[in-house]
């Protein structure tokens, strides 16, 4: 019995050194920095129910401005998207896999900003 317990204790790692490392590997800091710098691309779709005045700015560039007939507008962005709708009851928003529904009630002007990242640096 004594020999078996000695063999078992040799296989169990020291709790302080094996499970809880004292210093982080040097690759971890590079990984974190690279993940912050990489861009994330998001997708959004506007379903326009009837003719409406709308402005869409994607990553600082004007995508559309003016009256748009009924239909869909799909776009992707890496930083942000700004949507200004001059009658929120005529537009539905889908952001990623989530359907947000109509943006508001009749004749309501609505400004929506979508960020690709969940936080600002």
PDB file of N, CA and C in Angstrom:
ATOM      1  N   UNK A   1       0.819  -1.200   0.000  1.00  0.00           N
ATOM      2  CA  UNK A   1       0.000   0.000   0.000  1.00  0.00           C
ATOM      3  C   UNK A   1       0.862   1.263   0.000  1.00  0.00           C
ATOM      4  N   UNK A   2       1.951   1.260   0.701  1.00  0.00           N
ATOM      5  CA  UNK A   2       2.844   2.405   0.787  1.00  0.00           C
ATOM      6  C   UNK A   2       3.473   2.730  -0.565  1.00  0.00           C
ATOM      7  N   UNK A   3       3.848   1.688  -1.308  1.00  0.00           N
ATOM      8  CA  UNK A   3       4.450   1.913  -2.631  1.00  0.00           C
ATOM      9  C   UNK A   3       3.441   2.538  -3.590  1.00  0.00           C
ATOM     10  N   UNK A   4       2.195   2.110  -3.539  1.00  0.00           N
ATOM     11  CA  UNK A   4       1.163   2.663  -4.410  1.00  0.00           C
ATOM     12  C   UNK A   4       0.920   4.121  -4.100  1.00  0.00           C
ATOM     13  N   UNK A   5       0.904   4.506  -2.832  1.00  0.00           N
ATOM     14  CA  UNK A   5       0.668   5.905  -2.472  1.00  0.00           C
ATOM     15  C   UNK A   5       1.850   6.784  -2.876  1.00  0.00           C
ATOM     16  N   UNK A   6       3.079   6.244  -2.815  1.00  0.00           N
ATOM     17  CA  UNK A   6       4.232   7.022  -3.250  1.00  0.00           C
ATOM     18  C   UNK A   6       4.185   7.256  -4.752  1.00  0.00           C
ATOM     19  N   UNK A   7       3.785   6.238  -5.526  1.00  0.00           N
ATOM     20  CA  UNK A   7       3.677   6.407  -6.981  1.00  0.00           C
ATOM     21  C   UNK A   7       2.583   7.411  -7.320  1.00  0.00           C
ATOM     22  N   UNK A   8       1.476   7.364  -6.578  1.00  0.00           N
ATOM     23  CA  UNK A   8       0.377   8.287  -6.824  1.00  0.00           C
ATOM     24  C   UNK A   8       0.793   9.726  -6.513  1.00  0.00           C
ATOM     25  N   UNK A   9       1.516   9.947  -5.433  1.00  0.00           N
ATOM     26  CA  UNK A   9       1.936  11.299  -5.074  1.00  0.00           C
ATOM     27  C   UNK A   9       2.948  11.858  -6.068  1.00  0.00           C
ATOM     28  N   UNK A  10       3.710  10.987  -6.739  1.00  0.00           N
ATOM     29  CA  UNK A  10       4.651  11.449  -7.742  1.00  0.00           C
ATOM     30  C   UNK A  10       3.933  11.923  -9.003  1.00  0.00           C
ATOM     31  N   UNK A  11       2.747  11.369  -9.285  1.00  0.00           N
ATOM     32  CA  UNK A  11       2.001  11.750 -10.485  1.00  0.00           C
ATOM     33  C   UNK A  11       1.193  13.033 -10.288  1.00  0.00           C
ATOM     34  N   UNK A  12       0.873  13.382  -9.058  1.00  0.00           N
ATOM     35  CA  UNK A  12       0.099  14.586  -8.796  1.00  0.00           C
ATOM     36  C   UNK A  12       1.038  15.785  -8.843  1.00  0.00           C
ATOM     37  N   UNK A  13       0.748  16.793  -9.693  1.00  0.00           N
ATOM     38  CA  UNK A  13       1.643  17.951  -9.778  1.00  0.00           C
ATOM     39  C   UNK A  13       1.507  18.836  -8.547  1.00  0.00           C
ATOM     40  N   UNK A  14       2.537  19.614  -8.330  1.00  0.00           N
ATOM     41  CA  UNK A  14       2.520  20.574  -7.232  1.00  0.00           C
ATOM     42  C   UNK A  14       1.451  21.623  -7.524  1.00  0.00           C
ATOM     43  N   UNK A  15       0.592  21.879  -6.566  1.00  0.00           N
ATOM     44  CA  UNK A  15      -0.563  22.751  -6.783  1.00  0.00           C
ATOM     45  C   UNK A  15      -0.148  24.182  -7.122  1.00  0.00           C
ATOM     46  N   UNK A  16       0.886  24.680  -6.524  1.00  0.00           N
ATOM     47  CA  UNK A  16       1.284  26.072  -6.749  1.00  0.00           C
ATOM     48  C   UNK A  16       1.949  26.292  -8.095  1.00  0.00           C
ATOM     49  N   UNK A  17       2.661  25.315  -8.611  1.00  0.00           N
ATOM     50  CA  UNK A  17       3.397  25.539  -9.848  1.00  0.00           C
ATOM     51  C   UNK A  17       2.630  25.103 -11.087  1.00  0.00           C
ATOM     52  N   UNK A  18       1.873  24.022 -11.014  1.00  0.00           N
ATOM     53  CA  UNK A  18       1.251  23.477 -12.212  1.00  0.00           C
ATOM     54  C   UNK A  18      -0.067  24.153 -12.546  1.00  0.00           C
ATOM     55  N   UNK A  19      -0.887  24.383 -11.549  1.00  0.00           N
ATOM     56  CA  UNK A  19      -2.223  24.881 -11.829  1.00  0.00           C
ATOM     57  C   UNK A  19      -2.243  26.405 -11.934  1.00  0.00           C
ATOM     58  N   UNK A  20      -1.495  27.077 -11.078  1.00  0.00           N
ATOM     59  CA  UNK A  20      -1.496  28.523 -11.052  1.00  0.00           C
ATOM     60  C   UNK A  20      -0.130  29.041 -11.484  1.00  0.00           C
ATOM     61  N   UNK A  21       0.061  29.334 -12.760  1.00  0.00           N
ATOM     62  CA  UNK A  21       1.375  29.822 -13.192  1.00  0.00           C
ATOM     63  C   UNK A  21       1.654  31.202 -12.612  1.00  0.00           C
ATOM     64  N   UNK A  22       2.896  31.431 -12.300  1.00  0.00           N
ATOM     65  CA  UNK A  22       3.265  32.696 -11.667  1.00  0.00           C
ATOM     66  C   UNK A  22       3.422  33.824 -12.681  1.00  0.00           C
ATOM     67  N   UNK A  23       3.818  33.513 -13.886  1.00  0.00           N
ATOM     68  CA  UNK A  23       3.967  34.569 -14.886  1.00  0.00           C
ATOM     69  C   UNK A  23       3.264  34.145 -16.173  1.00  0.00           C
ATOM     70  N   UNK A  24       2.794  35.127 -16.918  1.00  0.00           N
ATOM     71  CA  UNK A  24       2.099  34.829 -18.164  1.00  0.00           C
ATOM     72  C   UNK A  24       3.114  34.596 -19.269  1.00  0.00           C
ATOM     73  N   UNK A  25       2.794  33.731 -20.200  1.00  0.00           N
ATOM     74  CA  UNK A  25       3.726  33.504 -21.303  1.00  0.00           C
ATOM     75  C   UNK A  25       3.860  34.758 -22.160  1.00  0.00           C
ATOM     76  N   UNK A  26       4.997  34.965 -22.789  1.00  0.00           N
ATOM     77  CA  UNK A  26       5.193  36.186 -23.578  1.00  0.00           C
ATOM     78  C   UNK A  26       4.260  36.256 -24.791  1.00  0.00           C
ATOM     79  N   UNK A  27       3.781  35.135 -25.268  1.00  0.00           N
ATOM     80  CA  UNK A  27       2.889  35.135 -26.435  1.00  0.00           C
ATOM     81  C   UNK A  27       1.518  35.699 -26.094  1.00  0.00           C
ATOM     82  N   UNK A  28       1.128  35.655 -24.837  1.00  0.00           N
ATOM     83  CA  UNK A  28      -0.196  36.122 -24.444  1.00  0.00           C
ATOM     84  C   UNK A  28      -0.363  37.611 -24.714  1.00  0.00           C
ATOM     85  N   UNK A  29       0.639  38.411 -24.411  1.00  0.00           N
ATOM     86  CA  UNK A  29       0.535  39.846 -24.655  1.00  0.00           C
ATOM     87  C   UNK A  29       0.432  40.141 -26.146  1.00  0.00           C
ATOM     88  N   UNK A  30       1.173  39.421 -26.974  1.00  0.00           N
ATOM     89  CA  UNK A  30       1.070  39.596 -28.430  1.00  0.00           C
ATOM     90  C   UNK A  30      -0.312  39.194 -28.925  1.00  0.00           C
ATOM     91  N   UNK A  31      -0.849  38.111 -28.373  1.00  0.00           N
ATOM     92  CA  UNK A  31      -2.178  37.652 -28.775  1.00  0.00           C
ATOM     93  C   UNK A  31      -3.238  38.696 -28.437  1.00  0.00           C
ATOM     94  N   UNK A  32      -3.155  39.262 -27.247  1.00  0.00           N
ATOM     95  CA  UNK A  32      -4.127  40.276 -26.841  1.00  0.00           C
ATOM     96  C   UNK A  32      -4.006  41.507 -27.733  1.00  0.00           C
ATOM     97  N   UNK A  33      -2.805  41.953 -28.014  1.00  0.00           N
ATOM     98  CA  UNK A  33      -2.607  43.133 -28.862  1.00  0.00           C
ATOM     99  C   UNK A  33      -3.112  42.897 -30.277  1.00  0.00           C
ATOM    100  N   UNK A  34      -2.861  41.704 -30.826  1.00  0.00           N
ATOM    101  CA  UNK A  34      -3.340  41.395 -32.175  1.00  0.00           C
ATOM    102  C   UNK A  34      -4.847  41.291 -32.225  1.00  0.00           C
ATOM    103  N   UNK A  35      -5.466  40.756 -31.191  1.00  0.00           N
ATOM    104  CA  UNK A  35      -6.922  40.632 -31.195  1.00  0.00           C
ATOM    105  C   UNK A  35      -7.590  41.991 -31.079  1.00  0.00           C
ATOM    106  N   UNK A  36      -6.940  42.952 -30.406  1.00  0.00           N
ATOM    107  CA  UNK A  36      -7.500  44.303 -30.318  1.00  0.00           C
ATOM    108  C   UNK A  36      -7.398  45.004 -31.668  1.00  0.00           C
ATOM    109  N   UNK A  37      -6.299  44.794 -32.387  1.00  0.00           N
ATOM    110  CA  UNK A  37      -6.080  45.490 -33.651  1.00  0.00           C
ATOM    111  C   UNK A  37      -6.881  44.904 -34.809  1.00  0.00           C
ATOM    112  N   UNK A  38      -7.292  43.645 -34.724  1.00  0.00           N
ATOM    113  CA  UNK A  38      -8.019  43.054 -35.837  1.00  0.00           C
ATOM    114  C   UNK A  38      -9.413  43.647 -35.907  1.00  0.00           C
ATOM    115  N   UNK A  39      -9.906  43.807 -37.112  1.00  0.00           N
ATOM    116  CA  UNK A  39     -11.224  44.402 -37.296  1.00  0.00           C
ATOM    117  C   UNK A  39     -12.284  43.311 -37.366  1.00  0.00           C
ATOM    118  N   UNK A  40     -13.437  43.642 -36.845  1.00  0.00           N
ATOM    119  CA  UNK A  40     -14.574  42.746 -36.842  1.00  0.00           C
ATOM    120  C   UNK A  40     -15.570  43.293 -37.843  1.00  0.00           C
ATOM    121  N   UNK A  41     -16.102  42.453 -38.691  1.00  0.00           N
ATOM    122  CA  UNK A  41     -17.066  42.915 -39.683  1.00  0.00           C
ATOM    123  C   UNK A  41     -18.462  42.484 -39.262  1.00  0.00           C
ATOM    124  N   UNK A  42     -19.372  43.426 -39.203  1.00  0.00           N
ATOM    125  CA  UNK A  42     -20.770  43.176 -38.830  1.00  0.00           C
ATOM    126  C   UNK A  42     -21.658  43.433 -40.035  1.00  0.00           C
ATOM    127  N   UNK A  43     -22.841  42.859 -39.992  1.00  0.00           N
ATOM    128  CA  UNK A  43     -23.789  43.021 -41.092  1.00  0.00           C
ATOM    129  C   UNK A  43     -25.117  43.540 -40.549  1.00  0.00           C
ATOM    130  N   UNK A  44     -25.778  44.356 -41.350  1.00  0.00           N
ATOM    131  CA  UNK A  44     -27.092  44.886 -40.988  1.00  0.00           C
ATOM    132  C   UNK A  44     -27.954  44.940 -42.245  1.00  0.00           C
ATOM    133  N   UNK A  45     -29.269  44.867 -42.020  1.00  0.00           N
ATOM    134  CA  UNK A  45     -30.207  44.953 -43.135  1.00  0.00           C
ATOM    135  C   UNK A  45     -31.375  45.845 -42.723  1.00  0.00           C
ATOM    136  N   UNK A  46     -31.716  46.767 -43.599  1.00  0.00           N
ATOM    137  CA  UNK A  46     -32.880  47.609 -43.401  1.00  0.00           C
ATOM    138  C   UNK A  46     -33.966  47.139 -44.362  1.00  0.00           C
ATOM    139  N   UNK A  47     -35.109  46.811 -43.815  1.00  0.00           N
ATOM    140  CA  UNK A  47     -36.255  46.454 -44.650  1.00  0.00           C
ATOM    141  C   UNK A  47     -37.157  47.682 -44.691  1.00  0.00           C
ATOM    142  N   UNK A  48     -37.236  48.289 -45.868  1.00  0.00           N
ATOM    143  CA  UNK A  48     -38.014  49.509 -46.032  1.00  0.00           C
ATOM    144  C   UNK A  48     -39.399  49.114 -46.523  1.00  0.00           C
ATOM    145  N   UNK A  49     -40.431  49.468 -45.735  1.00  0.00           N
ATOM    146  CA  UNK A  49     -41.799  49.053 -46.022  1.00  0.00           C
ATOM    147  C   UNK A  49     -42.469  49.932 -47.064  1.00  0.00           C
ATOM    148  N   UNK A  50     -42.146  51.214 -47.076  1.00  0.00           N
ATOM    149  CA  UNK A  50     -42.648  52.132 -48.102  1.00  0.00           C
ATOM    150  C   UNK A  50     -41.646  53.274 -48.245  1.00  0.00           C
ATOM    151  N   UNK A  51     -41.839  54.093 -49.268  1.00  0.00           N
ATOM    152  CA  UNK A  51     -40.885  55.160 -49.591  1.00  0.00           C
ATOM    153  C   UNK A  51     -40.597  56.016 -48.359  1.00  0.00           C
ATOM    154  N   UNK A  52     -39.301  56.210 -48.081  1.00  0.00           N
ATOM    155  CA  UNK A  52     -38.905  56.953 -46.897  1.00  0.00           C
ATOM    156  C   UNK A  52     -37.582  57.669 -47.154  1.00  0.00           C
ATOM    157  N   UNK A  53     -37.412  58.808 -46.495  1.00  0.00           N
ATOM    158  CA  UNK A  53     -36.141  59.517 -46.561  1.00  0.00           C
ATOM    159  C   UNK A  53     -35.208  58.908 -45.530  1.00  0.00           C
ATOM    160  N   UNK A  54     -33.977  58.605 -45.960  1.00  0.00           N
ATOM    161  CA  UNK A  54     -33.041  57.892 -45.101  1.00  0.00           C
ATOM    162  C   UNK A  54     -31.619  58.304 -45.425  1.00  0.00           C
ATOM    163  N   UNK A  55     -30.750  58.297 -44.423  1.00  0.00           N
ATOM    164  CA  UNK A  55     -29.316  58.530 -44.597  1.00  0.00           C
ATOM    165  C   UNK A  55     -28.567  57.395 -43.930  1.00  0.00           C
ATOM    166  N   UNK A  56     -27.579  56.843 -44.624  1.00  0.00           N
ATOM    167  CA  UNK A  56     -26.777  55.753 -44.086  1.00  0.00           C
ATOM    168  C   UNK A  56     -25.306  56.095 -44.283  1.00  0.00           C
ATOM    169  N   UNK A  57     -24.558  56.116 -43.180  1.00  0.00           N
ATOM    170  CA  UNK A  57     -23.111  56.360 -43.207  1.00  0.00           C
ATOM    171  C   UNK A  57     -22.450  55.109 -42.642  1.00  0.00           C
ATOM    172  N   UNK A  58     -21.535  54.519 -43.427  1.00  0.00           N
ATOM    173  CA  UNK A  58     -20.854  53.290 -43.031  1.00  0.00           C
ATOM    174  C   UNK A  58     -19.360  53.562 -42.974  1.00  0.00           C
ATOM    175  N   UNK A  59     -18.772  53.388 -41.797  1.00  0.00           N
ATOM    176  CA  UNK A  59     -17.333  53.594 -41.582  1.00  0.00           C
ATOM    177  C   UNK A  59     -16.863  54.961 -42.076  1.00  0.00           C
ATOM    178  N   UNK A  60     -17.692  55.984 -41.868  1.00  0.00           N
ATOM    179  CA  UNK A  60     -17.329  57.342 -42.245  1.00  0.00           C
ATOM    180  C   UNK A  60     -17.630  57.705 -43.687  1.00  0.00           C
ATOM    181  N   UNK A  61     -18.130  56.766 -44.487  1.00  0.00           N
ATOM    182  CA  UNK A  61     -18.455  57.040 -45.896  1.00  0.00           C
ATOM    183  C   UNK A  61     -19.961  57.018 -46.083  1.00  0.00           C
ATOM    184  N   UNK A  62     -20.458  57.973 -46.859  1.00  0.00           N
ATOM    185  CA  UNK A  62     -21.887  58.066 -47.111  1.00  0.00           C
ATOM    186  C   UNK A  62     -22.318  56.951 -48.061  1.00  0.00           C
ATOM    187  N   UNK A  63     -23.138  56.026 -47.575  1.00  0.00           N
ATOM    188  CA  UNK A  63     -23.618  54.921 -48.394  1.00  0.00           C
ATOM    189  C   UNK A  63     -24.861  55.314 -49.178  1.00  0.00           C
ATOM    190  N   UNK A  64     -25.800  56.000 -48.520  1.00  0.00           N
ATOM    191  CA  UNK A  64     -27.030  56.409 -49.186  1.00  0.00           C
ATOM    192  C   UNK A  64     -27.601  57.622 -48.472  1.00  0.00           C
ATOM    193  N   UNK A  65     -28.163  58.539 -49.250  1.00  0.00           N
ATOM    194  CA  UNK A  65     -28.827  59.705 -48.699  1.00  0.00           C
ATOM    195  C   UNK A  65     -29.938  60.110 -49.650  1.00  0.00           C
ATOM    196  N   UNK A  66     -31.149  60.191 -49.142  1.00  0.00           N
ATOM    197  CA  UNK A  66     -32.277  60.596 -49.971  1.00  0.00           C
ATOM    198  C   UNK A  66     -33.483  59.695 -49.750  1.00  0.00           C
ATOM    199  N   UNK A  67     -34.406  59.747 -50.702  1.00  0.00           N
ATOM    200  CA  UNK A  67     -35.616  58.920 -50.612  1.00  0.00           C
ATOM    201  C   UNK A  67     -35.337  57.550 -51.203  1.00  0.00           C
ATOM    202  N   UNK A  68     -35.744  56.516 -50.480  1.00  0.00           N
ATOM    203  CA  UNK A  68     -35.539  55.140 -50.938  1.00  0.00           C
ATOM    204  C   UNK A  68     -36.899  54.457 -51.061  1.00  0.00           C
ATOM    205  N   UNK A  69     -37.153  53.762 -52.181  1.00  0.00           N
ATOM    206  CA  UNK A  69     -38.432  53.055 -52.322  1.00  0.00           C
ATOM    207  C   UNK A  69     -38.462  51.803 -51.434  1.00  0.00           C
ATOM    208  N   UNK A  70     -39.596  51.141 -51.402  1.00  0.00           N
ATOM    209  CA  UNK A  70     -39.736  49.911 -50.622  1.00  0.00           C
ATOM    210  C   UNK A  70     -38.731  48.873 -51.119  1.00  0.00           C
ATOM    211  N   UNK A  71     -38.138  48.145 -50.193  1.00  0.00           N
ATOM    212  CA  UNK A  71     -37.135  47.145 -50.538  1.00  0.00           C
ATOM    213  C   UNK A  71     -36.169  46.937 -49.387  1.00  0.00           C
ATOM    214  N   UNK A  72     -35.047  46.320 -49.672  1.00  0.00           N
ATOM    215  CA  UNK A  72     -34.043  46.026 -48.648  1.00  0.00           C
ATOM    216  C   UNK A  72     -32.726  46.721 -48.954  1.00  0.00           C
ATOM    217  N   UNK A  73     -32.037  47.146 -47.919  1.00  0.00           N
ATOM    218  CA  UNK A  73     -30.675  47.655 -48.027  1.00  0.00           C
ATOM    219  C   UNK A  73     -29.834  46.803 -47.080  1.00  0.00           C
ATOM    220  N   UNK A  74     -28.832  46.123 -47.620  1.00  0.00           N
ATOM    221  CA  UNK A  74     -27.936  45.316 -46.804  1.00  0.00           C
ATOM    222  C   UNK A  74     -26.538  45.904 -46.893  1.00  0.00           C
ATOM    223  N   UNK A  75     -25.843  45.973 -45.764  1.00  0.00           N
ATOM    224  CA  UNK A  75     -24.489  46.520 -45.754  1.00  0.00           C
ATOM    225  C   UNK A  75     -23.697  45.884 -44.620  1.00  0.00           C
ATOM    226  N   UNK A  76     -22.372  45.939 -44.770  1.00  0.00           N
ATOM    227  CA  UNK A  76     -21.459  45.470 -43.728  1.00  0.00           C
ATOM    228  C   UNK A  76     -20.578  46.638 -43.305  1.00  0.00           C
ATOM    229  N   UNK A  77     -20.080  46.576 -42.083  1.00  0.00           N
ATOM    230  CA  UNK A  77     -19.208  47.629 -41.585  1.00  0.00           C
ATOM    231  C   UNK A  77     -18.204  47.036 -40.613  1.00  0.00           C
ATOM    232  N   UNK A  78     -17.061  47.722 -40.506  1.00  0.00           N
ATOM    233  CA  UNK A  78     -15.989  47.262 -39.625  1.00  0.00           C
ATOM    234  C   UNK A  78     -15.857  48.121 -38.374  1.00  0.00           C
ATOM    235  N   UNK A  79     -16.276  49.367 -38.423  1.00  0.00           N
ATOM    236  CA  UNK A  79     -16.169  50.252 -37.268  1.00  0.00           C
ATOM    237  C   UNK A  79     -17.546  50.640 -36.740  1.00  0.00           C
ATOM    238  N   UNK A  80     -18.318  51.370 -37.544  1.00  0.00           N
ATOM    239  CA  UNK A  80     -19.637  51.805 -37.106  1.00  0.00           C
ATOM    240  C   UNK A  80     -20.532  52.067 -38.314  1.00  0.00           C
ATOM    241  N   UNK A  81     -21.812  52.108 -38.057  1.00  0.00           N
ATOM    242  CA  UNK A  81     -22.795  52.504 -39.067  1.00  0.00           C
ATOM    243  C   UNK A  81     -23.767  53.467 -38.407  1.00  0.00           C
ATOM    244  N   UNK A  82     -24.054  54.568 -39.093  1.00  0.00           N
ATOM    245  CA  UNK A  82     -25.006  55.562 -38.592  1.00  0.00           C
ATOM    246  C   UNK A  82     -26.185  55.596 -39.546  1.00  0.00           C
ATOM    247  N   UNK A  83     -27.376  55.413 -38.993  1.00  0.00           N
ATOM    248  CA  UNK A  83     -28.599  55.378 -39.795  1.00  0.00           C
ATOM    249  C   UNK A  83     -29.523  56.477 -39.278  1.00  0.00           C
ATOM    250  N   UNK A  84     -29.976  57.347 -40.182  1.00  0.00           N
ATOM    251  CA  UNK A  84     -30.956  58.371 -39.831  1.00  0.00           C
ATOM    252  C   UNK A  84     -32.185  58.119 -40.687  1.00  0.00           C
ATOM    253  N   UNK A  85     -33.304  57.874 -40.003  1.00  0.00           N
ATOM    254  CA  UNK A  85     -34.576  57.593 -40.677  1.00  0.00           C
ATOM    255  C   UNK A  85     -35.529  58.728 -40.340  1.00  0.00           C
ATOM    256  N   UNK A  86     -36.196  59.277 -41.342  1.00  0.00           N
ATOM    257  CA  UNK A  86     -37.076  60.418 -41.123  1.00  0.00           C
ATOM    258  C   UNK A  86     -38.520  60.004 -40.863  1.00  0.00           C
ATOM    259  N   UNK A  87     -38.848  58.714 -40.987  1.00  0.00           N
ATOM    260  CA  UNK A  87     -40.145  58.160 -40.575  1.00  0.00           C
ATOM    261  C   UNK A  87     -39.891  56.730 -40.105  1.00  0.00           C
ATOM    262  N   UNK A  88     -39.722  56.571 -38.801  1.00  0.00           N
ATOM    263  CA  UNK A  88     -39.268  55.294 -38.245  1.00  0.00           C
ATOM    264  C   UNK A  88     -40.267  54.155 -38.411  1.00  0.00           C
ATOM    265  N   UNK A  89     -41.540  54.454 -38.643  1.00  0.00           N
ATOM    266  CA  UNK A  89     -42.535  53.386 -38.784  1.00  0.00           C
ATOM    267  C   UNK A  89     -42.423  52.653 -40.113  1.00  0.00           C
ATOM    268  N   UNK A  90     -41.662  53.199 -41.048  1.00  0.00           N
ATOM    269  CA  UNK A  90     -41.545  52.601 -42.377  1.00  0.00           C
ATOM    270  C   UNK A  90     -40.299  51.734 -42.545  1.00  0.00           C
ATOM    271  N   UNK A  91     -39.510  51.549 -41.474  1.00  0.00           N
ATOM    272  CA  UNK A  91     -38.244  50.826 -41.598  1.00  0.00           C
ATOM    273  C   UNK A  91     -38.109  49.805 -40.465  1.00  0.00           C
ATOM    274  N   UNK A  92     -37.670  48.597 -40.841  1.00  0.00           N
ATOM    275  CA  UNK A  92     -37.332  47.554 -39.866  1.00  0.00           C
ATOM    276  C   UNK A  92     -35.836  47.291 -39.967  1.00  0.00           C
ATOM    277  N   UNK A  93     -35.216  47.009 -38.818  1.00  0.00           N
ATOM    278  CA  UNK A  93     -33.777  46.788 -38.761  1.00  0.00           C
ATOM    279  C   UNK A  93     -33.478  45.367 -38.328  1.00  0.00           C
ATOM    280  N   UNK A  94     -32.552  44.719 -39.039  1.00  0.00           N
ATOM    281  CA  UNK A  94     -31.989  43.445 -38.622  1.00  0.00           C
ATOM    282  C   UNK A  94     -30.493  43.659 -38.488  1.00  0.00           C
ATOM    283  N   UNK A  95     -29.983  43.434 -37.271  1.00  0.00           N
ATOM    284  CA  UNK A  95     -28.565  43.640 -36.978  1.00  0.00           C
ATOM    285  C   UNK A  95     -27.984  42.302 -36.561  1.00  0.00           C
ATOM    286  N   UNK A  96     -27.081  41.762 -37.404  1.00  0.00           N
ATOM    287  CA  UNK A  96     -26.581  40.412 -37.164  1.00  0.00           C
ATOM    288  C   UNK A  96     -27.734  39.432 -37.302  1.00  0.00           C
ATOM    289  N   UNK A  97     -27.887  38.503 -36.392  1.00  0.00           N
ATOM    290  CA  UNK A  97     -29.004  37.552 -36.489  1.00  0.00           C
ATOM    291  C   UNK A  97     -30.284  38.050 -35.813  1.00  0.00           C
ATOM    292  N   UNK A  98     -30.276  39.253 -35.203  1.00  0.00           N
ATOM    293  CA  UNK A  98     -31.406  39.712 -34.413  1.00  0.00           C
ATOM    294  C   UNK A  98     -32.271  40.699 -35.182  1.00  0.00           C
ATOM    295  N   UNK A  99     -33.560  40.404 -35.237  1.00  0.00           N
ATOM    296  CA  UNK A  99     -34.528  41.289 -35.868  1.00  0.00           C
ATOM    297  C   UNK A  99     -34.992  42.299 -34.825  1.00  0.00           C
ATOM    298  N   UNK A 100     -34.720  43.571 -35.055  1.00  0.00           N
ATOM    299  CA  UNK A 100     -35.079  44.625 -34.099  1.00  0.00           C
ATOM    300  C   UNK A 100     -36.502  45.152 -34.317  1.00  0.00           C
ATOM    301  N   UNK A 101     -37.108  44.805 -35.445  1.00  0.00           N
ATOM    302  CA  UNK A 101     -38.463  45.271 -35.725  1.00  0.00           C
ATOM    303  C   UNK A 101     -38.474  46.700 -36.221  1.00  0.00           C
ATOM    304  N   UNK A 102     -39.666  47.301 -36.183  1.00  0.00           N
ATOM    305  CA  UNK A 102     -39.802  48.692 -36.624  1.00  0.00           C
ATOM    306  C   UNK A 102     -39.046  49.608 -35.668  1.00  0.00           C
ATOM    307  N   UNK A 103     -38.533  50.691 -36.218  1.00  0.00           N
ATOM    308  CA  UNK A 103     -37.665  51.577 -35.443  1.00  0.00           C
ATOM    309  C   UNK A 103     -38.412  52.618 -34.632  1.00  0.00           C
ATOM    310  N   UNK A 104     -39.707  52.725 -34.801  1.00  0.00           N
ATOM    311  CA  UNK A 104     -40.461  53.712 -34.039  1.00  0.00           C
ATOM    312  C   UNK A 104     -41.858  53.899 -34.605  1.00  0.00           C
ATOM    313  N   UNK A 105     -42.507  54.988 -34.193  1.00  0.00           N
ATOM    314  CA  UNK A 105     -43.858  55.230 -34.639  1.00  0.00           C
ATOM    315  C   UNK A 105     -43.890  56.203 -35.810  1.00  0.00           C
ATOM    316  N   UNK A 106     -45.080  56.472 -36.297  1.00  0.00           N
ATOM    317  CA  UNK A 106     -45.308  57.279 -37.490  1.00  0.00           C
ATOM    318  C   UNK A 106     -44.724  58.686 -37.339  1.00  0.00           C
ATOM    319  N   UNK A 107     -43.996  59.126 -38.380  1.00  0.00           N
ATOM    320  CA  UNK A 107     -43.406  60.468 -38.479  1.00  0.00           C
ATOM    321  C   UNK A 107     -42.307  60.735 -37.446  1.00  0.00           C
ATOM    322  N   UNK A 108     -41.787  59.719 -36.789  1.00  0.00           N
ATOM    323  CA  UNK A 108     -40.709  59.935 -35.825  1.00  0.00           C
ATOM    324  C   UNK A 108     -39.366  59.854 -36.517  1.00  0.00           C
ATOM    325  N   UNK A 109     -38.530  60.873 -36.326  1.00  0.00           N
ATOM    326  CA  UNK A 109     -37.167  60.858 -36.844  1.00  0.00           C
ATOM    327  C   UNK A 109     -36.306  60.086 -35.863  1.00  0.00           C
ATOM    328  N   UNK A 110     -35.483  59.184 -36.377  1.00  0.00           N
ATOM    329  CA  UNK A 110     -34.690  58.317 -35.508  1.00  0.00           C
ATOM    330  C   UNK A 110     -33.267  58.229 -36.012  1.00  0.00           C
ATOM    331  N   UNK A 111     -32.306  58.348 -35.093  1.00  0.00           N
ATOM    332  CA  UNK A 111     -30.887  58.200 -35.415  1.00  0.00           C
ATOM    333  C   UNK A 111     -30.365  56.990 -34.654  1.00  0.00           C
ATOM    334  N   UNK A 112     -29.762  56.055 -35.376  1.00  0.00           N
ATOM    335  CA  UNK A 112     -29.256  54.827 -34.776  1.00  0.00           C
ATOM    336  C   UNK A 112     -27.792  54.685 -35.132  1.00  0.00           C
ATOM    337  N   UNK A 113     -26.972  54.380 -34.124  1.00  0.00           N
ATOM    338  CA  UNK A 113     -25.549  54.135 -34.348  1.00  0.00           C
ATOM    339  C   UNK A 113     -25.242  52.710 -33.936  1.00  0.00           C
ATOM    340  N   UNK A 114     -24.683  51.946 -34.866  1.00  0.00           N
ATOM    341  CA  UNK A 114     -24.298  50.564 -34.609  1.00  0.00           C
ATOM    342  C   UNK A 114     -22.779  50.502 -34.530  1.00  0.00           C
ATOM    343  N   UNK A 115     -22.247  49.978 -33.452  1.00  0.00           N
ATOM    344  CA  UNK A 115     -20.802  49.818 -33.288  1.00  0.00           C
ATOM    345  C   UNK A 115     -20.422  48.378 -33.563  1.00  0.00           C
ATOM    346  N   UNK A 116     -19.334  48.179 -34.282  1.00  0.00           N
ATOM    347  CA  UNK A 116     -18.868  46.818 -34.569  1.00  0.00           C
ATOM    348  C   UNK A 116     -18.272  46.185 -33.325  1.00  0.00           C
ATOM    349  N   UNK A 117     -17.648  46.986 -32.481  1.00  0.00           N
ATOM    350  CA  UNK A 117     -17.059  46.463 -31.242  1.00  0.00           C
ATOM    351  C   UNK A 117     -17.969  46.815 -30.067  1.00  0.00           C
ATOM    352  N   UNK A 118     -18.002  45.964 -29.059  1.00  0.00           N
ATOM    353  CA  UNK A 118     -18.893  46.236 -27.921  1.00  0.00           C
ATOM    354  C   UNK A 118     -18.367  47.301 -26.969  1.00  0.00           C
ATOM    355  N   UNK A 119     -17.153  47.822 -27.193  1.00  0.00           N
ATOM    356  CA  UNK A 119     -16.586  48.821 -26.313  1.00  0.00           C
ATOM    357  C   UNK A 119     -15.687  49.743 -27.109  1.00  0.00           C
ATOM    358  N   UNK A 120     -15.424  50.891 -26.542  1.00  0.00           N
ATOM    359  CA  UNK A 120     -14.529  51.867 -27.161  1.00  0.00           C
ATOM    360  C   UNK A 120     -13.176  51.749 -26.503  1.00  0.00           C
ATOM    361  N   UNK A 121     -12.126  51.923 -27.293  1.00  0.00           N
ATOM    362  CA  UNK A 121     -10.762  51.848 -26.761  1.00  0.00           C
ATOM    363  C   UNK A 121     -10.236  53.213 -26.427  1.00  0.00           C
TER     364      UNK A 121
END
